[in-house]
N, C-alpha and C. Protein backbone atom coordinates (compact mmCIF):
# COMPACT_ATOMS: atom_id res chain seq x y z
N MET A 1 -16.83 81.78 3.32
CA MET A 1 -17.29 82.66 2.37
C MET A 1 -18.62 81.63 1.60
N PRO A 2 -19.88 81.71 1.89
CA PRO A 2 -20.74 80.81 0.87
C PRO A 2 -20.69 81.21 -0.28
N LEU A 3 -21.05 79.93 -1.02
CA LEU A 3 -20.89 79.70 -2.40
C LEU A 3 -22.34 80.44 -2.82
N THR A 4 -22.16 81.34 -4.33
CA THR A 4 -23.53 81.50 -4.45
C THR A 4 -23.76 80.92 -5.83
N ASN A 5 -25.00 81.13 -6.36
CA ASN A 5 -25.20 80.58 -7.71
C ASN A 5 -24.32 80.32 -8.77
N VAL A 6 -23.73 81.83 -8.91
CA VAL A 6 -22.93 82.20 -9.77
C VAL A 6 -21.63 81.07 -9.48
N SER A 7 -20.71 81.16 -8.48
CA SER A 7 -20.08 80.15 -8.14
C SER A 7 -20.32 78.51 -8.24
N ILE A 8 -21.58 78.56 -8.26
CA ILE A 8 -21.77 77.27 -8.26
C ILE A 8 -21.74 76.97 -10.02
N ALA A 9 -22.24 77.24 -10.80
CA ALA A 9 -22.45 77.48 -12.03
C ALA A 9 -21.03 77.53 -12.66
N LEU A 10 -20.23 78.31 -12.14
CA LEU A 10 -18.93 78.10 -12.74
C LEU A 10 -18.13 77.04 -12.59
N ARG A 11 -18.46 76.25 -11.53
CA ARG A 11 -17.62 74.80 -11.45
C ARG A 11 -17.25 73.89 -12.10
N LYS A 12 -18.33 74.20 -13.03
CA LYS A 12 -18.73 73.28 -14.76
C LYS A 12 -17.61 73.49 -15.22
N HIS A 13 -17.03 74.73 -15.54
CA HIS A 13 -16.05 75.18 -16.33
C HIS A 13 -14.81 75.02 -15.68
N LYS A 14 -14.46 74.07 -14.61
CA LYS A 14 -13.28 74.26 -14.80
C LYS A 14 -12.18 73.28 -15.40
N GLN A 15 -11.18 73.99 -15.75
CA GLN A 15 -10.04 73.30 -16.13
C GLN A 15 -8.72 73.76 -15.62
N PRO A 16 -7.50 72.80 -16.01
CA PRO A 16 -5.98 72.74 -15.59
C PRO A 16 -5.85 73.93 -16.28
N VAL A 17 -5.09 74.96 -15.08
CA VAL A 17 -4.61 75.75 -15.26
C VAL A 17 -2.91 76.23 -14.86
N ILE A 18 -2.24 76.88 -15.67
CA ILE A 18 -1.19 77.10 -14.74
C ILE A 18 -0.70 78.51 -14.52
N LEU A 19 -0.63 79.44 -13.21
CA LEU A 19 -0.22 80.74 -13.02
C LEU A 19 1.06 80.85 -13.02
N HIS A 20 1.38 81.80 -13.59
CA HIS A 20 2.86 82.17 -13.86
C HIS A 20 3.03 83.65 -13.00
N LYS A 21 3.33 83.76 -12.09
CA LYS A 21 3.47 85.15 -10.92
C LYS A 21 4.79 85.40 -11.36
N ARG A 22 4.52 86.74 -11.69
CA ARG A 22 6.06 87.65 -11.78
C ARG A 22 6.63 88.08 -9.92
N SER A 23 7.56 87.11 -9.88
CA SER A 23 8.09 87.87 -8.09
C SER A 23 9.18 88.73 -8.19
N SER A 24 9.69 89.42 -9.37
CA SER A 24 10.65 90.82 -8.87
C SER A 24 11.13 91.04 -10.56
N ILE A 25 11.54 92.22 -10.48
CA ILE A 25 11.50 93.48 -11.91
C ILE A 25 13.09 93.71 -11.32
N SER A 26 14.11 92.97 -12.22
CA SER A 26 15.21 93.71 -12.04
C SER A 26 15.83 94.19 -13.57
N GLU A 27 17.17 94.86 -13.63
CA GLU A 27 17.76 95.04 -14.89
C GLU A 27 18.84 94.32 -15.32
N ASN A 28 19.35 93.79 -16.64
CA ASN A 28 20.52 93.66 -16.54
C ASN A 28 21.74 94.47 -17.06
N ALA A 29 22.74 94.32 -17.67
CA ALA A 29 23.93 95.14 -17.68
C ALA A 29 23.58 96.38 -18.73
N SER A 30 23.11 95.62 -20.15
CA SER A 30 22.15 96.82 -20.73
C SER A 30 21.15 97.98 -20.45
N GLY A 31 20.82 97.59 -19.29
CA GLY A 31 19.56 98.46 -18.54
C GLY A 31 18.45 97.94 -18.80
N GLU A 32 18.04 97.16 -19.72
CA GLU A 32 16.88 96.68 -20.22
C GLU A 32 16.41 95.58 -18.90
N VAL A 33 15.00 96.03 -18.95
CA VAL A 33 13.98 95.41 -17.51
C VAL A 33 13.96 93.95 -17.87
N GLN A 34 14.00 93.43 -17.02
CA GLN A 34 13.87 91.70 -17.00
C GLN A 34 12.72 91.42 -15.70
N PHE A 35 11.70 90.10 -16.15
CA PHE A 35 11.05 89.67 -15.20
C PHE A 35 11.60 88.43 -14.58
N VAL A 36 11.54 88.06 -13.06
CA VAL A 36 12.00 86.78 -12.42
C VAL A 36 10.66 86.12 -12.04
N TRP A 37 10.25 84.73 -12.59
CA TRP A 37 9.27 84.24 -12.19
C TRP A 37 9.42 83.28 -11.30
N ALA A 38 7.96 83.55 -10.89
CA ALA A 38 8.18 82.60 -9.55
C ALA A 38 7.86 81.10 -10.22
N THR A 39 8.02 80.03 -9.16
CA THR A 39 7.66 78.48 -9.51
C THR A 39 5.97 78.70 -10.27
N PRO A 40 6.15 77.81 -11.35
CA PRO A 40 4.57 78.04 -11.38
C PRO A 40 3.57 77.13 -10.61
N GLN A 41 2.44 77.82 -10.66
CA GLN A 41 1.39 76.85 -9.86
C GLN A 41 0.52 76.24 -10.65
N ASN A 42 0.08 74.98 -10.60
CA ASN A 42 -0.94 74.35 -10.99
C ASN A 42 -2.33 74.30 -10.80
N LEU A 43 -3.30 74.64 -11.01
CA LEU A 43 -4.75 75.27 -10.48
C LEU A 43 -5.60 74.52 -11.47
N GLU A 44 -6.74 74.06 -10.91
CA GLU A 44 -8.06 74.01 -11.39
C GLU A 44 -9.07 74.85 -11.33
N TRP A 45 -9.13 75.85 -12.25
CA TRP A 45 -9.79 77.07 -12.12
C TRP A 45 -10.82 77.30 -13.43
N PRO A 46 -12.24 77.72 -13.28
CA PRO A 46 -13.02 78.20 -14.37
C PRO A 46 -12.68 79.14 -15.40
N VAL A 47 -12.62 78.76 -16.61
CA VAL A 47 -12.22 79.32 -17.52
C VAL A 47 -13.21 79.59 -18.39
N THR A 48 -13.53 80.65 -19.17
CA THR A 48 -14.85 81.37 -19.63
C THR A 48 -14.16 81.98 -20.91
N PRO A 49 -14.57 82.37 -22.26
CA PRO A 49 -14.25 83.36 -23.06
C PRO A 49 -14.81 84.37 -22.37
N ILE A 50 -14.24 85.42 -23.21
CA ILE A 50 -14.90 86.92 -22.83
C ILE A 50 -16.17 86.71 -23.23
N SER A 51 -17.07 87.69 -22.74
CA SER A 51 -18.37 87.44 -22.76
C SER A 51 -18.50 88.22 -24.12
N ALA A 52 -19.70 88.40 -24.72
CA ALA A 52 -20.48 89.36 -25.65
C ALA A 52 -20.76 90.81 -25.03
N LYS A 53 -21.37 90.53 -23.84
CA LYS A 53 -21.32 91.77 -22.84
C LYS A 53 -20.04 92.58 -22.74
N GLN A 54 -19.06 91.85 -22.07
CA GLN A 54 -17.63 92.67 -22.07
C GLN A 54 -17.16 93.29 -23.10
N LEU A 55 -17.43 92.32 -24.41
CA LEU A 55 -17.12 93.06 -25.99
C LEU A 55 -17.82 94.23 -25.93
N GLN A 56 -19.18 94.65 -25.64
CA GLN A 56 -19.72 95.45 -25.80
C GLN A 56 -19.59 96.86 -24.83
N VAL A 57 -19.07 96.57 -23.94
CA VAL A 57 -18.98 97.99 -22.63
C VAL A 57 -17.59 98.22 -22.59
N LEU A 58 -16.30 97.37 -22.97
CA LEU A 58 -15.27 97.50 -23.11
C LEU A 58 -14.81 98.52 -24.19
N PRO A 59 -14.10 99.44 -23.93
CA PRO A 59 -13.63 100.23 -24.77
C PRO A 59 -12.68 99.26 -25.98
N GLU A 60 -13.29 100.06 -27.53
CA GLU A 60 -13.02 98.97 -28.81
C GLU A 60 -11.79 98.61 -28.87
N GLY A 61 -11.69 97.21 -29.47
CA GLY A 61 -10.34 96.92 -29.46
C GLY A 61 -9.60 96.54 -28.04
N GLN A 62 -9.97 96.36 -27.16
CA GLN A 62 -9.17 95.99 -25.52
C GLN A 62 -9.01 94.80 -25.72
N TYR A 63 -10.46 94.09 -25.80
CA TYR A 63 -10.49 92.61 -25.89
C TYR A 63 -11.25 92.09 -27.02
N THR A 64 -10.61 90.54 -27.63
CA THR A 64 -11.36 90.19 -28.83
C THR A 64 -12.24 88.69 -28.00
N SER A 65 -12.52 87.77 -28.94
CA SER A 65 -13.17 86.76 -28.69
C SER A 65 -11.81 85.42 -28.17
N GLU A 66 -10.74 86.02 -28.42
CA GLU A 66 -9.51 84.90 -28.77
C GLU A 66 -9.49 84.91 -26.67
N ASP A 67 -9.32 86.07 -25.75
CA ASP A 67 -9.39 86.78 -24.72
C ASP A 67 -10.24 85.65 -23.67
N ARG A 68 -9.78 85.53 -22.39
CA ARG A 68 -10.38 84.66 -21.49
C ARG A 68 -10.77 85.45 -20.22
N ASN A 69 -11.92 84.94 -19.51
CA ASN A 69 -11.92 85.12 -18.34
C ASN A 69 -11.52 84.09 -17.01
N PHE A 70 -10.44 84.08 -16.10
CA PHE A 70 -9.90 82.87 -14.87
C PHE A 70 -10.87 83.18 -13.99
N TYR A 71 -11.59 82.52 -13.27
CA TYR A 71 -12.24 82.89 -11.97
C TYR A 71 -11.92 82.23 -10.69
N GLN A 72 -11.36 82.82 -9.45
CA GLN A 72 -11.29 82.07 -8.52
C GLN A 72 -12.17 81.88 -7.36
N ILE A 73 -12.52 80.80 -7.51
CA ILE A 73 -13.29 80.86 -6.52
C ILE A 73 -12.62 80.39 -4.84
N GLY A 74 -13.16 80.92 -3.90
CA GLY A 74 -12.99 80.05 -2.44
C GLY A 74 -11.15 80.42 -1.95
N GLU A 75 -10.45 80.86 -3.12
CA GLU A 75 -9.25 80.22 -2.76
C GLU A 75 -8.69 81.37 -3.06
N ALA A 76 -7.30 81.61 -1.56
CA ALA A 76 -6.63 82.39 -1.39
C ALA A 76 -5.15 82.60 -2.04
N ILE A 77 -5.38 82.76 -3.21
CA ILE A 77 -4.16 83.11 -4.01
C ILE A 77 -4.17 84.54 -4.67
N GLN A 78 -3.04 85.04 -4.25
CA GLN A 78 -2.90 86.71 -4.90
C GLN A 78 -2.12 86.63 -6.03
N VAL A 79 -3.72 87.25 -7.07
CA VAL A 79 -3.02 87.28 -8.58
C VAL A 79 -2.87 89.02 -8.96
N ASN A 80 -1.83 89.37 -9.45
CA ASN A 80 -1.54 90.64 -9.93
C ASN A 80 -2.11 90.64 -11.41
N ALA A 81 -2.42 92.38 -11.89
CA ALA A 81 -2.12 92.71 -13.05
C ALA A 81 -0.73 92.10 -13.62
N ASN A 82 -0.52 92.16 -15.07
CA ASN A 82 0.73 91.60 -15.94
C ASN A 82 0.96 89.93 -15.45
N ASP A 83 0.54 89.33 -14.20
CA ASP A 83 0.76 88.06 -13.79
C ASP A 83 0.38 87.14 -15.15
N GLU A 84 0.30 85.96 -15.54
CA GLU A 84 0.09 85.16 -16.78
C GLU A 84 -0.86 83.61 -16.10
N PHE A 85 -1.84 83.45 -17.35
CA PHE A 85 -2.29 82.09 -17.03
C PHE A 85 -1.75 81.19 -18.56
N GLU A 86 -1.41 80.06 -17.93
CA GLU A 86 -1.38 79.28 -19.10
C GLU A 86 -2.52 78.06 -19.30
N PHE A 87 -3.23 78.41 -20.46
CA PHE A 87 -4.53 77.45 -20.47
C PHE A 87 -4.50 76.68 -22.14
N ASN A 88 -4.32 75.67 -22.21
CA ASN A 88 -4.68 74.75 -23.51
C ASN A 88 -3.36 75.30 -24.05
N GLY A 89 -2.41 75.68 -23.64
CA GLY A 89 -1.40 75.58 -24.11
C GLY A 89 -1.23 77.21 -25.06
N LYS A 90 -1.63 77.94 -23.97
CA LYS A 90 -1.66 79.57 -24.47
C LYS A 90 -1.30 80.36 -23.34
N ARG A 91 -0.90 81.61 -23.23
CA ARG A 91 -0.56 82.32 -22.23
C ARG A 91 -1.30 83.57 -22.56
N TYR A 92 -1.91 83.90 -21.27
CA TYR A 92 -2.84 84.80 -21.33
C TYR A 92 -2.31 85.83 -20.15
N VAL A 93 -2.47 87.07 -20.40
CA VAL A 93 -1.71 88.11 -19.46
C VAL A 93 -2.69 88.81 -18.63
N VAL A 94 -2.72 88.86 -17.28
CA VAL A 94 -4.10 89.63 -16.76
C VAL A 94 -4.27 90.76 -16.98
N GLY A 95 -5.10 91.66 -17.46
CA GLY A 95 -5.50 92.80 -17.76
C GLY A 95 -6.44 93.35 -16.47
N MET A 96 -7.22 92.94 -16.14
CA MET A 96 -8.53 93.80 -15.53
C MET A 96 -8.94 92.63 -14.33
N ILE A 97 -8.91 93.11 -12.83
CA ILE A 97 -9.00 91.75 -12.12
C ILE A 97 -10.61 92.66 -11.11
N LYS A 98 -11.68 91.94 -11.05
CA LYS A 98 -12.91 92.27 -10.61
C LYS A 98 -13.25 91.55 -9.35
N ASP A 99 -13.26 91.71 -8.27
CA ASP A 99 -13.57 91.50 -7.20
C ASP A 99 -14.87 91.15 -6.78
N LEU A 100 -15.33 90.30 -6.87
CA LEU A 100 -16.94 90.14 -6.88
C LEU A 100 -17.20 89.05 -5.92
N ILE A 101 -16.01 88.69 -4.97
CA ILE A 101 -16.70 88.39 -3.49
C ILE A 101 -18.07 88.26 -2.82
N PHE A 102 -18.62 89.55 -2.75
CA PHE A 102 -19.37 89.95 -2.34
C PHE A 102 -20.31 89.54 -2.79
N GLU A 103 -20.41 89.93 -3.79
CA GLU A 103 -21.80 89.83 -5.36
C GLU A 103 -22.14 88.07 -5.27
N ALA A 104 -21.11 87.34 -5.44
CA ALA A 104 -21.07 86.20 -6.62
C ALA A 104 -20.13 84.99 -6.09
N GLY A 105 -18.93 85.48 -5.14
CA GLY A 105 -18.21 84.33 -4.61
C GLY A 105 -16.92 84.22 -5.47
N VAL A 106 -16.81 85.15 -6.09
CA VAL A 106 -15.49 84.79 -7.02
C VAL A 106 -14.87 85.89 -7.45
N ILE A 107 -13.52 86.13 -7.63
CA ILE A 107 -12.87 86.77 -8.27
C ILE A 107 -12.37 86.30 -9.92
N ARG A 108 -12.53 87.86 -10.50
CA ARG A 108 -12.58 87.46 -12.13
C ARG A 108 -11.49 88.02 -12.83
N TYR A 109 -10.62 87.59 -13.74
CA TYR A 109 -9.66 88.04 -14.00
C TYR A 109 -9.68 87.79 -15.13
N SER A 110 -9.32 89.17 -16.19
CA SER A 110 -9.93 89.39 -17.44
C SER A 110 -8.67 89.28 -18.20
N CYS A 111 -8.25 88.20 -19.03
CA CYS A 111 -7.26 88.12 -19.45
C CYS A 111 -6.62 88.41 -21.05
N LYS A 112 -5.71 88.90 -21.69
CA LYS A 112 -5.32 88.97 -22.78
C LYS A 112 -5.03 87.91 -23.65
N LYS A 113 -5.18 87.37 -24.58
CA LYS A 113 -4.07 86.25 -25.13
C LYS A 113 -2.55 86.79 -25.60
N LYS A 114 -1.96 86.10 -25.10
CA LYS A 114 -0.40 86.61 -25.34
C LYS A 114 0.30 86.57 -26.47
N VAL A 115 0.87 87.44 -27.50
CA VAL A 115 1.37 87.41 -28.81
C VAL A 115 2.78 86.73 -28.51
N SER A 116 2.84 85.88 -29.47
CA SER A 116 4.35 85.20 -29.04
C SER A 116 4.94 86.04 -29.97
N ALA A 117 6.18 86.61 -29.78
CA ALA A 117 7.12 87.29 -30.32
C ALA A 117 8.24 86.57 -31.27
């Protein structure tokens, strides 16, 4: 995969992040759904705030300025909706996945900040 200007420009935004992947779903004795998490993966991926343009085109209230985009450049890691990234001590839940490999050489994960219960 050749690097594009977009993927090269994103490299300056690389930050240490931790990927928390859901490995399976099970039910406990009372019938509540529980998620089993795989071993967290330490990564160094570009991270940016949700852009003003994204805030304008997405349905109102779907994302806020506290949410983040995480970018995968040239790695072959499967990330699914509802997996989580940890960045600067906060967790972000993967909501939208946009495959921009052909256009920009990246995959963008738009993530909502997880509200602690």
